[in-house]
Protein backbone atom coordinates (compact mmCIF):
# COMPACT_ATOMS: atom_id res chain seq x y z
CA MET A 1 0.00 0.00 0.00
CA LEU A 2 2.82 2.38 0.87
CA ILE A 3 4.55 1.73 -2.46
CA VAL A 4 1.39 2.37 -4.49
CA ILE A 5 0.57 5.51 -2.48
CA LEU A 6 4.03 6.88 -3.24
CA GLN A 7 3.57 6.04 -6.92
CA ALA A 8 0.27 7.92 -6.98
CA ALA A 9 1.71 10.87 -5.04
CA SER A 10 4.53 11.15 -7.56
CA GLY A 11 2.10 11.59 -10.47
CA ALA A 12 3.42 8.46 -12.19
CA TYR A 13 -0.03 7.28 -13.32
CA HIS A 14 -0.60 10.49 -15.29
CA ALA A 15 2.88 11.08 -16.71
CA GLU A 16 4.54 10.01 -19.94
CA PHE A 17 7.23 7.38 -20.06
CA GLY A 18 10.78 8.70 -19.99
CA ASN A 19 13.43 8.00 -22.60
CA ASP A 20 14.52 4.49 -21.58
CA GLU A 21 11.06 3.76 -20.19
CA ALA A 22 9.56 4.22 -23.65
CA ALA A 23 12.00 1.70 -25.11
CA HIS A 24 11.25 -0.78 -22.31
CA TYR A 25 7.50 -0.36 -22.75
CA VAL A 26 7.45 -0.78 -26.54
CA SER A 27 9.90 -3.71 -26.39
CA GLY A 28 7.73 -5.53 -23.86
CA LEU A 29 4.63 -4.64 -25.87
CA MET A 30 6.21 -6.09 -29.00
CA VAL A 31 6.98 -9.40 -27.27
CA HIS A 32 3.43 -9.38 -25.83
CA ASP A 33 1.92 -8.88 -29.29
CA TYR A 34 4.16 -11.55 -30.77
CA LEU A 35 3.15 -14.10 -28.13
CA LYS A 36 -0.50 -13.14 -28.50
CA GLY A 37 -0.84 -13.23 -32.26
CA GLY A 38 2.39 -13.17 -34.19
CA LEU A 39 3.87 -16.61 -33.66
CA GLU A 40 3.32 -17.58 -37.30
CA THR A 41 5.85 -14.85 -38.26
CA SER A 42 9.58 -15.22 -37.70
CA PRO A 43 10.76 -13.20 -34.67
CA ARG A 44 13.21 -11.28 -36.87
CA ASP A 45 10.55 -10.25 -39.38
CA PHE A 46 8.10 -9.34 -36.64
CA LEU A 47 10.70 -7.19 -34.87
CA GLN A 48 11.68 -5.46 -38.10
CA ASN A 49 8.08 -4.58 -38.96
CA TYR A 50 7.21 -3.55 -35.40
CA HIS A 51 10.26 -1.31 -35.10
CA SER A 52 9.35 0.41 -38.36
CA HIS A 53 6.02 1.41 -36.81
CA TYR A 54 7.28 2.24 -33.30
CA PRO A 55 11.03 2.86 -33.57
CA VAL A 56 12.11 2.70 -29.94
CA ILE A 57 12.67 -1.07 -29.60
CA GLY A 58 15.40 -1.65 -27.01
CA ILE A 59 16.23 -5.29 -27.75
CA GLY A 60 19.83 -5.34 -28.92
CA HIS A 61 20.93 -2.49 -26.72
CA TRP A 62 19.44 -4.38 -23.76
CA PRO A 63 19.14 -8.17 -23.46
CA PRO A 64 15.68 -9.74 -23.99
CA PHE A 65 14.85 -11.47 -20.71
CA TYR A 66 13.15 -8.53 -18.98
CA TYR A 67 10.95 -7.98 -22.00
CA LEU A 68 9.76 -11.58 -21.82
CA VAL A 69 8.85 -11.09 -18.15
CA GLU A 70 7.11 -7.81 -19.01
CA ALA A 71 5.21 -9.44 -21.89
CA VAL A 72 3.95 -12.29 -19.72
CA TRP A 73 2.85 -9.74 -17.10
CA MET A 74 0.97 -7.85 -19.84
CA LEU A 75 -0.78 -11.05 -20.93
CA PHE A 76 -2.27 -11.35 -17.45
CA PHE A 77 -2.78 -7.72 -16.44
CA GLY A 78 -3.01 -5.72 -19.68
CA ILE A 79 -0.84 -3.17 -21.46
CA SER A 80 -1.99 -0.01 -19.68
CA ARG A 81 0.26 2.41 -17.82
CA THR A 82 -1.30 1.26 -14.55
CA ALA A 83 -0.59 -2.38 -15.36
CA VAL A 84 3.09 -1.89 -16.13
CA LEU A 85 3.62 0.43 -13.16
CA ALA A 86 2.12 -2.35 -11.05
CA LEU A 87 4.98 -4.54 -12.33
CA SER A 88 7.48 -2.00 -10.99
CA ALA A 89 5.59 -1.81 -7.68
CA ALA A 90 5.53 -5.61 -7.42
CA GLY A 91 9.31 -5.76 -7.87
CA THR A 92 9.89 -3.23 -5.08
CA PHE A 93 7.38 -5.02 -2.85
CA VAL A 94 9.07 -8.41 -3.27
CA VAL A 95 12.53 -6.95 -2.57
CA GLY A 96 11.14 -5.37 0.61
CA ILE A 97 9.57 -8.66 1.73
CA VAL A 98 12.69 -10.71 0.98
CA LEU A 99 14.86 -8.16 2.78
CA TYR A 100 12.53 -8.22 5.78
CA ARG A 101 12.49 -12.04 5.99
CA PHE A 102 16.28 -12.21 5.73
CA LEU A 103 16.80 -9.71 8.55
CA GLU A 104 13.91 -10.89 10.73
CA GLN A 105 15.51 -14.34 10.98
CA ARG A 106 18.73 -12.80 12.32
CA TYR A 107 17.82 -9.62 14.18
CA ALA A 108 14.86 -7.92 15.81
CA ALA A 109 11.70 -7.87 13.69
CA MET A 110 11.42 -4.12 14.26
CA ALA A 111 14.86 -3.49 12.77
CA ALA A 112 14.01 -5.75 9.83
CA GLY A 113 10.78 -3.84 9.23
CA VAL A 114 12.53 -0.47 9.40
CA ALA A 115 15.19 -1.61 6.89
CA ALA A 116 12.50 -2.86 4.49
CA VAL A 117 10.60 0.43 4.78
CA ILE A 118 13.78 2.44 4.24
CA PHE A 119 14.39 0.48 1.05
CA CYS A 120 10.87 1.06 -0.27
CA VAL A 121 10.69 4.78 0.52
CA SER A 122 14.26 5.81 -0.32
CA LEU A 123 14.29 8.32 -3.16
CA VAL A 124 16.45 6.19 -5.44
CA VAL A 125 13.97 3.31 -5.13
CA GLN A 126 10.97 5.61 -5.50
CA GLU A 127 12.43 7.10 -8.68
CA ASN A 128 12.64 3.63 -10.21
CA THR A 129 9.38 2.31 -8.79
CA ASN A 130 7.61 5.27 -10.39
CA THR A 131 8.99 4.28 -13.78
CA LEU A 132 9.11 1.24 -16.03
CA MET A 133 12.81 0.47 -15.68
CA ILE A 134 14.87 -2.70 -15.45
CA ASP A 135 16.83 -1.73 -12.33
CA ILE A 136 14.26 -2.78 -9.70
CA PRO A 137 13.71 -6.26 -11.24
CA LEU A 138 17.48 -6.58 -11.57
CA THR A 139 17.86 -5.69 -7.89
CA LEU A 140 15.40 -8.45 -7.00
CA VAL A 141 17.20 -11.08 -9.08
CA CYS A 142 20.58 -10.05 -7.65
CA LEU A 143 19.20 -10.33 -4.10
CA LEU A 144 17.77 -13.80 -4.85
CA ALA A 145 21.10 -14.82 -6.40
CA MET A 146 22.87 -13.68 -3.24
CA LEU A 147 20.52 -15.79 -1.10
CA SER A 148 21.09 -18.82 -3.30
CA TYR A 149 24.84 -18.37 -2.87
CA VAL A 150 24.37 -18.09 0.88
CA ARG A 151 22.66 -21.48 0.74
CA TYR A 152 25.59 -22.79 -1.26
CA LEU A 153 28.06 -21.48 1.34
CA ASN A 154 26.13 -23.37 3.99
CA SER A 155 25.54 -26.58 2.04
CA GLY A 156 28.32 -26.86 -0.52
CA GLN A 157 25.85 -28.69 -2.75
CA ILE A 158 25.92 -28.53 -6.54
CA ARG A 159 22.18 -27.84 -6.62
CA ASP A 160 22.56 -24.49 -4.83
CA SER A 161 25.50 -23.53 -7.05
CA VAL A 162 23.43 -24.28 -10.17
CA ILE A 163 20.50 -22.22 -8.83
CA PHE A 164 22.88 -19.31 -8.33
CA ALA A 165 24.15 -19.75 -11.90
CA ILE A 166 20.59 -19.73 -13.32
CA LEU A 167 19.74 -16.56 -11.40
CA ALA A 168 22.99 -14.98 -12.57
CA VAL A 169 22.03 -15.80 -16.17
CA ALA A 170 18.61 -14.20 -15.59
CA ALA A 171 20.25 -11.04 -14.21
CA ILE A 172 22.84 -10.78 -16.99
CA MET A 173 20.19 -11.35 -19.66
CA MET A 174 18.12 -8.59 -18.07
CA LYS A 175 20.79 -5.92 -18.12
CA GLY A 176 24.53 -5.74 -18.56
CA ASN A 177 25.31 -4.73 -14.99
CA GLY A 178 23.86 -8.05 -13.86
CA ALA A 179 27.35 -9.28 -14.76
CA SER A 180 28.43 -7.90 -11.37
CA LEU A 181 27.26 -11.27 -10.00
CA ALA A 182 30.34 -12.83 -11.62
CA LEU A 183 32.35 -11.10 -8.88
CA LEU A 184 30.20 -12.43 -6.03
CA PRO A 185 31.80 -15.92 -5.69
CA PRO A 186 35.41 -14.65 -5.53
CA CYS A 187 34.33 -11.94 -3.09
CA ALA A 188 32.64 -14.62 -0.94
CA VAL A 189 35.84 -16.68 -0.94
CA LEU A 190 37.87 -13.69 0.26
CA ILE A 191 35.37 -12.19 2.72
CA GLY A 192 34.27 -15.55 4.12
CA ARG A 193 37.79 -17.01 4.02
CA ARG A 194 36.32 -20.00 2.24
CA PHE A 195 39.39 -20.96 0.24
CA ASP A 196 38.33 -24.59 0.62
CA LEU A 197 35.65 -23.93 -2.01
CA LEU A 198 38.29 -23.45 -4.70
CA ARG A 199 38.99 -27.21 -4.58
CA LYS A 200 35.34 -28.13 -5.21
CA LEU A 201 33.77 -28.75 -8.60
CA SER A 202 30.55 -27.17 -7.35
CA PHE A 203 32.30 -23.79 -6.99
CA TRP A 204 33.29 -23.74 -10.67
CA ILE A 205 30.04 -25.03 -12.16
CA PRO A 206 28.48 -21.52 -12.63
CA VAL A 207 31.34 -20.51 -14.96
CA PRO A 208 30.39 -22.71 -17.95
CA ILE A 209 26.64 -22.31 -17.34
CA VAL A 210 26.77 -18.53 -17.31
CA GLY A 211 29.38 -18.36 -20.07
CA VAL A 212 27.50 -20.57 -22.53
CA LEU A 213 24.12 -18.91 -21.92
CA THR A 214 25.20 -15.26 -21.90
CA ALA A 215 28.53 -14.76 -23.70
CA PRO A 216 27.15 -15.23 -27.27
CA TRP A 217 24.59 -12.47 -26.79
CA TYR A 218 27.10 -9.97 -25.42
CA LEU A 219 29.74 -10.78 -28.02
CA TYR A 220 27.12 -10.23 -30.72
CA THR A 221 25.74 -6.97 -29.33
CA TYR A 222 28.79 -5.39 -27.66
CA GLN A 223 29.42 -2.89 -30.46
CA SER A 224 25.85 -1.62 -30.18
CA THR A 225 25.81 -1.65 -26.38
CA SER A 226 29.19 0.03 -25.92
CA ARG A 227 28.06 3.02 -27.97
CA GLY A 228 25.81 3.85 -25.03
CA PHE A 229 28.78 4.14 -22.65
CA ARG A 230 29.11 7.73 -21.46
CA TYR A 231 32.73 7.33 -20.33
CA SER A 232 35.90 5.50 -21.31
CA TRP A 233 37.68 2.63 -19.60
CA GLY A 234 40.61 3.58 -17.38
CA LEU A 235 41.89 4.94 -14.09
CA ASP A 236 40.26 8.32 -14.62
CA TYR A 237 36.83 6.71 -14.64
CA LEU A 238 37.73 4.51 -11.66
CA SER A 239 38.64 7.58 -9.61
CA ALA A 240 35.60 9.60 -10.68
CA SER A 241 33.15 6.72 -10.23
CA ASN A 242 34.23 5.93 -6.67
CA VAL A 243 33.74 9.53 -5.58
CA ALA A 244 30.44 9.94 -7.45
CA ASN A 245 28.98 6.63 -6.23
CA ALA A 246 29.89 7.42 -2.63
CA GLN A 247 28.21 10.82 -2.91
CA LEU A 248 25.09 9.27 -4.43
CA LEU A 249 24.73 6.72 -1.64
CA LEU A 250 25.28 9.40 0.98
CA PHE A 251 22.59 11.58 -0.60
CA TYR A 252 19.99 8.84 -1.04
CA LEU A 253 20.45 6.90 2.21
CA GLY A 254 21.91 9.42 4.64
CA PRO A 255 25.11 9.47 6.71
CA VAL A 256 23.84 7.33 9.61
CA VAL A 257 22.71 4.44 7.41
CA ILE A 258 26.01 4.56 5.51
CA ALA A 259 28.08 4.78 8.71
CA LEU A 260 26.27 1.79 10.22
CA ALA A 261 26.77 -0.18 7.01
CA LEU A 262 30.49 0.59 7.03
CA LEU A 263 30.68 -0.51 10.67
CA GLY A 264 28.90 -3.75 9.81
CA PHE A 265 31.08 -4.34 6.76
CA VAL A 266 34.33 -3.68 8.65
CA LYS A 267 33.20 -6.03 11.42
CA VAL A 268 32.54 -8.77 8.86
CA ILE A 269 35.94 -8.24 7.24
CA LEU A 270 38.02 -7.87 10.42
CA ARG A 271 36.52 -10.57 12.59
CA GLY A 272 38.89 -12.98 14.32
CA HIS A 273 40.14 -15.95 12.31
CA LYS A 274 38.32 -18.39 14.56
CA THR A 275 35.14 -16.36 14.88
CA PRO A 276 32.21 -18.11 13.14
CA LEU A 277 30.24 -15.85 10.81
CA ASP A 278 26.75 -16.08 9.42
CA ALA A 279 27.02 -16.95 5.72
CA GLY A 280 24.24 -14.41 5.13
CA LEU A 281 26.58 -11.59 6.15
CA VAL A 282 29.28 -13.00 3.89
CA GLY A 283 26.75 -12.97 1.06
CA ALA A 284 25.65 -9.40 1.81
CA GLY A 285 29.25 -8.17 2.01
CA SER A 286 30.11 -10.02 -1.19
CA LEU A 287 27.17 -8.63 -3.18
CA PHE A 288 27.89 -5.12 -1.94
CA THR A 289 31.56 -5.44 -2.93
CA ALA A 290 30.76 -7.04 -6.29
CA VAL A 291 28.30 -4.36 -7.36
CA TRP A 292 30.51 -1.53 -6.10
CA ALA A 293 33.54 -2.91 -7.95
CA PHE A 294 31.60 -3.47 -11.16
CA GLN A 295 30.06 0.00 -11.14
CA SER A 296 33.46 1.51 -10.41
CA LEU A 297 35.12 -0.24 -13.35
CA VAL A 298 32.58 -0.40 -16.19
CA PRO A 299 32.17 3.08 -17.72
CA ALA A 300 28.49 2.89 -18.67
CA ALA A 301 27.26 5.91 -16.69
CA LEU A 302 27.24 7.45 -13.22
CA GLU A 303 23.57 7.20 -12.31
CA PRO A 304 21.88 6.37 -9.00
CA ARG A 305 19.80 3.53 -10.46
CA TYR A 306 22.95 1.59 -11.32
CA LEU A 307 23.64 1.34 -7.59
CA LEU A 308 20.23 -0.14 -6.74
CA PRO A 309 21.44 -3.80 -6.52
CA LEU A 310 23.82 -2.85 -3.69
CA VAL A 311 21.12 -1.11 -1.59
CA PRO A 312 19.63 -4.33 -0.06
CA PRO A 313 23.04 -5.74 1.02
CA LEU A 314 24.00 -2.27 2.26
CA LEU A 315 20.87 -2.19 4.45
CA ILE A 316 21.64 -5.70 5.71
CA LEU A 317 25.11 -4.55 6.73
CA SER A 318 23.59 -1.41 8.24
CA VAL A 319 21.30 -3.47 10.50
CA HIS A 320 24.30 -5.61 11.42
CA GLY A 321 26.16 -2.44 12.39
CA LEU A 322 23.13 -1.34 14.41
CA SER A 323 23.09 -4.68 16.25
CA ILE A 324 26.76 -4.21 17.15
CA ILE A 325 25.95 -0.84 18.71
CA TRP A 326 22.98 -2.00 20.72
CA GLU A 327 24.96 -5.01 22.02
CA TRP A 328 27.65 -2.55 23.12
CA LEU A 329 25.02 -0.36 24.80
CA ARG A 330 23.49 -3.35 26.54
CA GLY A 331 26.92 -4.34 27.83
CA PHE A 332 27.48 -0.78 29.01
CA LYS A 333 24.27 -0.72 31.06
CA PRO A 334 22.41 -4.07 31.10
CA SER A 335 19.57 -2.73 33.23
CA ILE A 336 18.26 -0.57 30.34
CA ASN A 337 16.17 -2.94 28.22
CA SER A 338 14.94 -0.30 25.81
CA TRP A 339 18.28 0.24 24.03
CA ARG A 340 17.15 -1.85 21.05
CA LEU A 341 13.98 0.17 20.56
CA ILE A 342 15.83 3.46 20.96
CA ALA A 343 18.51 2.38 18.48
CA VAL A 344 15.95 1.32 15.85
CA LEU A 345 13.94 4.53 16.23
CA LEU A 346 17.10 6.64 15.90
CA PHE A 347 18.06 4.58 12.86
CA LEU A 348 14.73 5.35 11.18
CA ALA A 349 14.70 8.99 12.29
CA SER A 350 18.20 9.61 10.93
CA PHE A 351 17.13 8.37 7.51
CA LEU A 352 13.88 10.35 7.48
CA ILE A 353 15.62 13.56 8.52
CA SER A 354 18.47 13.32 6.02
CA SER A 355 16.98 11.57 2.97
CA TRP A 356 13.19 11.51 3.07
CA GLY A 357 11.12 12.95 0.25
CA ILE A 358 8.63 12.06 -2.48
CA ALA A 359 10.06 11.56 -5.95
CA THR A 360 7.80 13.38 -8.41
CA LYS A 361 7.27 12.67 -12.09
CA SER A 362 6.23 15.45 -14.44
CA SER A 363 3.63 15.31 -17.20
CA PHE A 364 4.19 17.28 -20.41
CA GLY A 365 0.85 16.72 -22.18
CA VAL A 366 2.02 14.02 -24.62
CA ILE A 367 -0.63 11.57 -23.41
CA GLN A 368 -3.46 13.99 -24.12
CA ALA A 369 -1.98 15.01 -27.47
CA VAL A 370 -1.68 11.43 -28.69
CA GLN A 371 -5.29 10.70 -27.71
CA GLN A 372 -6.40 13.18 -30.38
CA ILE A 373 -4.41 11.68 -33.23
CA ASP A 374 -6.90 8.94 -34.08
CA GLU A 375 -9.63 11.52 -34.78
CA HIS A 376 -7.54 13.18 -37.51
CA THR A 377 -6.11 10.25 -39.47
CA THR A 378 -7.63 8.45 -42.43
CA SER A 379 -7.95 4.73 -43.05
CA THR A 380 -5.21 4.96 -45.70
CA ASN A 381 -2.67 7.05 -43.82
CA GLN A 382 -1.95 6.69 -40.10
CA THR A 383 1.42 8.43 -40.09
CA VAL A 384 2.56 10.96 -37.48
CA LEU A 385 5.82 12.90 -37.46
CA ILE A 386 7.08 13.58 -33.93
CA ALA A 387 8.95 16.87 -33.66
CA MET A 388 9.86 17.13 -29.98
CA ASP A 389 13.04 17.25 -27.94
CA SER A 390 15.09 14.17 -27.15
CA SER A 391 13.32 13.44 -23.86
CA LEU A 392 9.78 13.47 -25.29
CA GLU A 393 10.25 12.02 -28.77
CA PRO A 394 10.50 8.39 -27.48
CA ALA A 395 7.63 9.07 -25.05
CA ALA A 396 5.36 10.05 -27.94
CA VAL A 397 6.27 6.87 -29.82
CA ALA A 398 5.37 4.77 -26.76
CA GLU A 399 2.06 6.60 -26.28
CA ILE A 400 1.14 6.06 -29.93
CA ALA A 401 1.92 2.34 -29.59
CA MET A 402 -0.20 2.10 -26.43
CA ALA A 403 -3.13 3.91 -28.08
CA ASP A 404 -2.97 1.87 -31.30
CA ASN A 405 -5.68 -0.79 -30.97
CA ASN A 406 -4.65 -2.51 -34.20
CA ARG A 407 -0.91 -2.78 -33.67
CA PRO A 408 1.16 -2.41 -35.65
CA LEU A 409 -0.89 0.10 -37.70
CA PHE A 410 0.25 3.65 -36.97
CA PHE A 411 3.65 4.85 -38.14
CA ALA A 412 5.29 6.99 -35.45
CA ILE A 413 8.06 8.78 -37.37
CA ARG A 414 10.86 10.15 -35.23
CA GLY A 415 11.93 13.58 -36.40
CA SER A 416 15.48 12.77 -35.35
CA ARG A 417 15.54 9.95 -37.90
CA LEU A 418 13.69 11.52 -40.83
CA LEU A 419 15.17 15.00 -40.44
CA GLY A 420 18.29 14.28 -38.39
CA GLY A 421 21.17 11.87 -38.17
CA GLY A 422 24.28 11.06 -36.17
CA GLY A 423 25.43 8.40 -33.77
CA PHE A 424 23.89 6.48 -30.92
CA ASN A 425 23.11 9.27 -28.50
CA ASN A 426 21.72 12.78 -28.69
CA PHE A 427 25.15 14.42 -28.36
CA GLN A 428 26.05 13.22 -31.85
CA TYR A 429 22.92 14.55 -33.55
CA ILE A 430 23.26 16.53 -36.77
CA PRO A 431 20.44 17.90 -38.96
CA ARG A 432 20.05 16.13 -42.30
CA PHE A 433 18.73 19.18 -44.13
CA GLN A 434 19.98 22.74 -44.19
CA THR A 435 16.96 24.55 -45.59
CA VAL A 436 13.26 24.76 -44.82
CA ALA A 437 12.45 23.73 -48.38
CA GLU A 438 14.41 20.50 -47.94
CA VAL A 439 12.54 19.77 -44.71
CA MET A 440 9.23 20.30 -46.48
CA GLY A 441 10.42 18.03 -49.29
CA ALA A 442 11.15 15.21 -46.82
CA ILE A 443 7.74 15.60 -45.16
CA ASP A 444 6.00 15.48 -48.55
CA GLU A 445 8.15 12.59 -49.80
CA TYR A 446 6.71 10.40 -47.05
CA ASN A 447 3.15 11.77 -47.36
CA ILE A 448 3.11 12.76 -43.67
CA PRO A 449 -0.32 14.20 -42.77
CA LEU A 450 0.18 15.00 -39.06
CA ILE A 451 2.93 16.49 -36.90
CA LEU A 452 3.18 16.46 -33.10
CA LEU A 453 5.17 19.62 -32.44
CA ARG A 454 6.70 20.95 -29.23
CA ASN A 455 9.49 23.51 -28.91
CA ASP A 456 10.30 24.82 -25.45
CA GLY A 457 12.80 27.33 -26.80
CA ASN A 458 15.88 25.55 -25.51
CA PRO A 459 18.74 26.41 -27.89
CA LYS A 460 20.10 22.88 -27.43
CA ASN A 461 16.97 21.35 -28.95
CA TRP A 462 17.25 19.55 -32.25
CA GLU A 463 17.53 21.88 -35.25
CA HIS A 464 14.79 20.19 -37.26
CA ILE A 465 12.17 21.31 -34.72
CA ARG A 466 12.99 24.95 -35.44
CA ARG A 467 13.01 24.25 -39.19
CA ILE A 468 9.47 22.91 -39.04
CA GLU A 469 8.33 26.00 -37.17
CA GLN A 470 10.02 28.14 -39.83
CA ALA A 471 8.19 26.16 -42.52
CA MET A 472 4.88 26.93 -40.80
CA VAL A 473 5.70 30.64 -41.05
CA LEU A 474 6.93 30.54 -44.66
CA PHE A 475 4.21 28.22 -45.95
CA PRO A 476 1.13 29.00 -43.82
CA GLU A 477 -1.21 27.58 -46.44
CA ARG A 478 0.35 24.11 -45.93
CA PHE A 479 -0.22 23.89 -42.18
CA GLN A 480 -3.23 23.88 -39.88
CA VAL A 481 -2.95 23.73 -36.09
CA ILE A 482 -5.70 21.28 -35.16
CA SER A 483 -5.24 21.48 -31.42
CA LYS A 484 -2.97 23.11 -28.88
CA LEU A 485 -2.65 21.14 -25.67
CA GLU A 486 -1.27 22.91 -22.66
CA GLY A 487 1.43 20.84 -21.04
CA LYS A 488 4.12 21.73 -18.57
CA GLU A 489 5.35 25.23 -19.53
CA THR A 490 5.21 24.58 -23.29
CA PRO A 491 2.11 23.51 -25.28
CA ILE A 492 2.07 20.61 -27.70
CA ARG A 493 0.54 21.36 -31.09
CA LEU A 494 -1.09 18.77 -33.33
CA VAL A 495 -0.54 20.11 -36.84
CA ARG A 496 -2.13 18.97 -40.09
CA VAL A 497 0.00 19.14 -43.26
CA ARG A 498 -2.45 20.22 -45.91
CA GLY A 499 -2.19 18.28 -49.14
CA ASN A 500 -0.86 15.14 -47.47
CA GLU A 501 -3.99 14.21 -45.53
CA THR A 502 -5.62 12.82 -48.71
CA LYS A 503 -2.56 10.86 -49.86
CA PRO A 504 -2.16 7.21 -48.87
CA ALA A 505 0.81 6.20 -46.77
CA ASP A 506 3.78 4.93 -48.76
CA ILE A 507 4.20 1.74 -46.72
CA ASP A 508 7.42 0.57 -48.34
CA LYS A 509 9.17 3.89 -47.77
CA LEU A 510 7.96 4.12 -44.18
CA LEU A 511 9.07 0.57 -43.41
CA ALA A 512 12.53 1.30 -44.81
CA LEU A 513 12.81 4.65 -43.01
CA SER A 514 12.46 3.33 -39.49
CA ALA A 515 13.77 -0.21 -39.94
CA PRO A 516 15.99 -1.32 -37.03
CA ARG A 517 19.68 -0.67 -37.49
CA ALA A 518 20.84 -2.77 -34.52
CA LEU A 519 21.45 -6.53 -34.52
CA ALA A 520 22.63 -6.31 -38.14
CA ILE A 521 19.04 -5.98 -39.40
CA LYS A 522 18.98 -4.04 -42.66
């Protein structure tokens, strides 16, 4: 209930999908539609056609497993915004429950409950629960993988090692940073001083399982995936990432939670050689170390969501640090039985004071604008050119896909593809045409009858947006503003291109224009 209330308070149910969210939504929707009615078509052909209609498919840049999970969820609960946000909420809920059960078996139930609540309400978790992103599901799979490895540390059985390997495959085939789990076993050997495991076949079994099931995909897609890296490999990134990641954790969880976690982690590392240690703490310390090391080395980006998989183990270590303090307090004055309650309340209060807030999600009017498109298309031409900035262009594609009841029918044409070019990310964008007449020629070449137009005046916006506005001034007889929807700060205009509304869509040209360029599909 708390998770859903926070989602509603953020405005998530009335806001567009963000950039990556749009890709995740349309990718899951494509797999859903394929499972529901496209099985007679080859997956490659179906993807190529679907991408030409809604060109924000993320498969290739991201692995496919999450989209299969999302598609199955959609089969049961529908494709609406509410349904897919419920998937995000369910992931957060299950992480909270698993975290609670893990801690409740080892410490006071109150401390376990507080840690679970801190996880669910922390801003970094809220930001991802309010969106359709892969990071919360990845966090859940990493936590389950950690627990399976804890069982392996206790049992030494091949079965538990294989379960860990399967969960590691699931994480890696969800998102690239799931590969941090490859560092968990060696970290467990070092932190737990379990060098005896190196002589067991069961310790090495995950290597071939994970390698065979994941390496081919990453070898095939690395060139595409690496273009999304914002930084370069090397010591400079290592130095910058350690500082940035530490600052992010301090901001999102607060100094007391971090200090307690460090105390717990140091205690796990520096215990006496003969001191027995709960394998669960070895697992938590190992997952924390593995994720931290991976995120410090791999130069994908410095973003809070990439640290999500280390938040549950960090909270486990934080509660362990708290238990060390209250045991010390009890030893200092045994007659005071309320030390545990006081410590837990201070633990919660420190987090609420330093890091509490509600993560909000803005709406820009794209949802309302897209709802009007169907009224102004003809049966022979359902093509819409999207002329918006880089953050809203993918959102409009996703909204058109969601609203299309006969998918794939509409063609959502990205202005950055028809009128722009460049590399993988927005920083490499260049306009394809230098004059307004050339822009008009491209619009007419593809018989585009409708344009979704938004220009907030930012000089960094794509050049083709300004060129379209210039065309509306120079050729007023060719354009008609059908509606003007007030969004956040800047309205979105639905514009008819006179002369094109009676022309049929040139299907072959449109299919070629937005065909997928990843995965070697031509």
